[in-house]
Amino acid sequence: MKQLISFLLLGFCLSLSAQEVLEDEAGRIHKVAVVFGATHIPAAIEDGEKTSEEFVPTLGLDYFVQFKEGWKVGLVLDYEFANYIVRFDREDLVREGALVTGILVGYEFANKWSALIGPGIEFEKNKNIAILRASVEYEFELGEYWGLFPSFNYDFKQEYSTWSLNIGLSKRL
């Protein structure tokens, strides 16, 4: 797992050397981002004690292709840096360093606001869980093809749902 994340982060860093936005013949723009956030876990069980909630630190890597018409499609990978237990099918389910993946489709509406939605899977050694992610983000242009974007994600799951607040740093390639 750590090797996969290291490989993806290395690829991201190498891609940052691009000096100008490369728009292909179809008008698509490629964008990569590193995302830092906190995911809200409702009613987790930590060290044998039920907590009312827990916030889990996350690190993500996104890749999107944006089209001139405002549409975008992309892949997201988010790694949760915590272990916790949740109720799932009337049993305690241990979650250890889950990797949340998704394929999202989005649309940029109203100057720099985007809404995204898509299916995904939360991979974890004890049980993989299907999710449906809905996101909203706003991107600030930083110049030289860089962007900064706060985002809100909501992951719908079979037995429980989570939400997260994130901040991302993006680079258009």
Protein backbone atom coordinates (compact mmCIF):
# COMPACT_ATOMS: atom_id res chain seq x y z
CA MET A 1 0.00 0.00 0.00
CA LYS A 2 2.77 2.42 0.97
CA GLN A 3 4.62 1.55 -2.24
CA LEU A 4 1.57 2.41 -4.35
CA ILE A 5 1.13 5.77 -2.64
CA SER A 6 4.85 6.51 -2.95
CA PHE A 7 4.78 5.64 -6.66
CA LEU A 8 1.76 7.87 -7.28
CA LEU A 9 3.28 10.79 -5.38
CA LEU A 10 6.54 10.38 -7.32
CA GLY A 11 4.62 10.51 -10.59
CA PHE A 12 2.85 13.65 -9.40
CA CYS A 13 6.12 15.35 -8.48
CA LEU A 14 7.67 14.48 -11.83
CA SER A 15 4.67 15.87 -13.66
CA LEU A 16 5.09 19.25 -11.94
CA SER A 17 8.00 20.03 -14.24
CA ALA A 18 5.60 20.88 -17.09
CA GLN A 19 5.92 24.60 -17.85
CA GLU A 20 2.75 25.28 -19.79
CA VAL A 21 -0.77 23.92 -20.06
CA LEU A 22 -0.91 21.30 -22.75
CA GLU A 23 -4.31 21.38 -24.35
CA ASP A 24 -4.80 18.52 -26.79
CA GLU A 25 -6.69 18.68 -30.09
CA ALA A 26 -10.03 18.08 -28.38
CA GLY A 27 -9.50 21.00 -25.96
CA ARG A 28 -8.92 18.82 -22.89
CA ILE A 29 -6.81 20.04 -20.00
CA HIS A 30 -5.12 17.56 -17.65
CA LYS A 31 -4.86 18.36 -13.95
CA VAL A 32 -3.26 16.57 -10.99
CA ALA A 33 -3.67 17.47 -7.33
CA VAL A 34 -2.52 16.55 -3.86
CA VAL A 35 -5.33 16.81 -1.33
CA PHE A 36 -5.10 17.05 2.47
CA GLY A 37 -8.16 16.67 4.65
CA ALA A 38 -10.08 15.30 7.59
CA THR A 39 -12.82 12.70 7.24
CA HIS A 40 -15.68 12.61 9.75
CA ILE A 41 -16.47 9.07 10.96
CA PRO A 42 -19.81 8.90 12.82
CA ALA A 43 -19.95 6.86 16.05
CA ALA A 44 -16.58 5.15 15.77
CA ILE A 45 -15.23 2.75 18.41
CA GLU A 46 -11.67 3.56 19.44
CA ASP A 47 -9.69 1.58 22.05
CA GLY A 48 -12.87 -0.27 23.04
CA GLU A 49 -14.77 2.93 23.78
CA LYS A 50 -17.59 4.20 21.60
CA THR A 51 -16.96 7.79 20.53
CA SER A 52 -19.63 10.12 19.29
CA GLU A 53 -17.51 10.84 16.24
CA GLU A 54 -13.96 10.83 14.98
CA PHE A 55 -12.00 12.88 12.48
CA VAL A 56 -9.47 10.90 10.45
CA PRO A 57 -6.58 12.62 8.63
CA THR A 58 -6.48 11.86 4.90
CA LEU A 59 -4.08 12.37 2.04
CA GLY A 60 -5.30 12.18 -1.54
CA LEU A 61 -4.13 12.22 -5.10
CA ASP A 62 -6.47 13.30 -7.92
CA TYR A 63 -6.16 13.21 -11.70
CA PHE A 64 -8.75 14.96 -13.87
CA VAL A 65 -9.28 15.73 -17.51
CA GLN A 66 -11.31 18.90 -18.04
CA PHE A 67 -13.17 19.70 -21.24
CA LYS A 68 -13.92 23.17 -22.68
CA GLU A 69 -17.64 22.78 -22.07
CA GLY A 70 -17.11 22.69 -18.27
CA TRP A 71 -17.29 18.91 -17.87
CA LYS A 72 -14.53 16.93 -16.20
CA VAL A 73 -13.84 13.28 -15.43
CA GLY A 74 -11.20 11.90 -13.13
CA LEU A 75 -9.80 9.45 -10.63
CA VAL A 76 -9.38 10.05 -6.91
CA LEU A 77 -7.32 8.15 -4.32
CA ASP A 78 -7.65 9.04 -0.63
CA TYR A 79 -5.75 7.28 2.13
CA GLU A 80 -7.07 7.40 5.72
CA PHE A 81 -4.28 7.58 8.31
CA ALA A 82 -6.13 5.99 11.22
CA ASN A 83 -7.57 2.77 12.58
CA TYR A 84 -11.11 2.73 13.93
CA ILE A 85 -14.13 0.47 14.30
CA VAL A 86 -17.64 1.10 12.96
CA ARG A 87 -20.92 -0.80 13.15
CA PHE A 88 -21.53 -2.69 9.89
CA ASP A 89 -24.17 -5.42 9.40
CA ARG A 90 -24.75 -5.41 13.19
CA GLU A 91 -21.10 -6.23 13.87
CA ASP A 92 -18.01 -4.24 14.73
CA LEU A 93 -15.94 -3.71 11.59
CA VAL A 94 -12.29 -2.75 12.00
CA ARG A 95 -11.05 -0.17 9.49
CA GLU A 96 -7.25 0.03 9.22
CA GLY A 97 -5.77 2.58 6.84
CA ALA A 98 -8.53 2.46 4.24
CA LEU A 99 -7.79 3.51 0.64
CA VAL A 100 -10.81 5.21 -0.93
CA THR A 101 -10.88 5.24 -4.72
CA GLY A 102 -13.39 6.73 -7.10
CA ILE A 103 -14.19 7.67 -10.67
CA LEU A 104 -15.93 11.04 -10.66
CA VAL A 105 -17.74 13.07 -13.29
CA GLY A 106 -18.11 16.76 -12.63
CA TYR A 107 -19.33 20.02 -14.05
CA GLU A 108 -17.95 23.50 -13.45
CA PHE A 109 -20.91 25.78 -12.91
CA ALA A 110 -20.78 29.40 -11.77
CA ASN A 111 -17.25 30.76 -11.98
CA LYS A 112 -14.83 28.13 -10.52
CA TRP A 113 -17.46 26.14 -8.57
CA SER A 114 -17.62 22.43 -9.43
CA ALA A 115 -19.97 19.62 -8.46
CA LEU A 116 -18.78 16.02 -8.86
CA ILE A 117 -20.31 12.59 -8.37
CA GLY A 118 -19.29 9.01 -8.98
CA PRO A 119 -18.87 5.45 -7.71
CA GLY A 120 -15.89 4.12 -5.84
CA ILE A 121 -14.56 1.44 -3.54
CA GLU A 122 -13.09 1.77 -0.08
CA PHE A 123 -10.31 -0.83 -0.02
CA GLU A 124 -9.35 -2.13 3.39
CA LYS A 125 -7.90 -5.47 4.52
CA ASN A 126 -10.95 -6.48 6.60
CA LYS A 127 -13.72 -5.58 4.13
CA ASN A 128 -13.98 -3.59 0.90
CA ILE A 129 -17.01 -1.31 0.76
CA ALA A 130 -18.70 0.24 -2.28
CA ILE A 131 -19.28 4.00 -2.05
CA LEU A 132 -20.97 6.77 -3.97
CA ARG A 133 -19.10 10.06 -3.61
CA ALA A 134 -20.60 13.51 -4.09
CA SER A 135 -18.30 16.55 -3.94
CA VAL A 136 -18.37 20.32 -4.22
CA GLU A 137 -15.23 22.44 -4.68
CA TYR A 138 -14.10 25.94 -5.51
CA GLU A 139 -10.73 26.57 -7.16
CA PHE A 140 -8.58 29.66 -6.64
CA GLU A 141 -6.08 30.40 -9.41
CA LEU A 142 -2.56 30.86 -8.02
CA GLY A 143 -0.82 31.62 -11.31
CA GLU A 144 1.63 29.59 -13.39
CA TYR A 145 -1.11 26.94 -13.83
CA TRP A 146 -1.36 26.24 -10.10
CA GLY A 147 -4.61 26.17 -8.16
CA LEU A 148 -5.79 25.88 -4.56
CA PHE A 149 -9.17 24.39 -3.85
CA PRO A 150 -11.18 23.70 -0.72
CA SER A 151 -13.65 20.85 -1.15
CA PHE A 152 -16.42 19.00 0.66
CA ASN A 153 -16.95 15.28 0.00
CA TYR A 154 -19.82 13.06 1.11
CA ASP A 155 -19.36 9.29 0.78
CA PHE A 156 -22.56 7.24 0.85
CA LYS A 157 -21.93 3.70 2.12
CA GLN A 158 -24.14 0.70 2.85
CA GLU A 159 -24.31 1.00 6.65
CA TYR A 160 -22.87 4.43 7.38
CA SER A 161 -21.74 7.53 5.53
CA THR A 162 -18.79 9.86 5.98
CA TRP A 163 -18.01 13.43 5.01
CA SER A 164 -14.73 15.25 4.67
CA LEU A 165 -13.32 18.74 4.40
CA ASN A 166 -10.22 19.06 2.27
CA ILE A 167 -7.76 21.48 0.82
CA GLY A 168 -6.02 20.64 -2.44
CA LEU A 169 -3.10 21.97 -4.42
CA SER A 170 -3.46 21.40 -8.16
CA LYS A 171 -1.27 21.76 -11.22
CA ARG A 172 -2.58 21.96 -14.78
CA LEU A 173 -0.37 20.03 -17.14
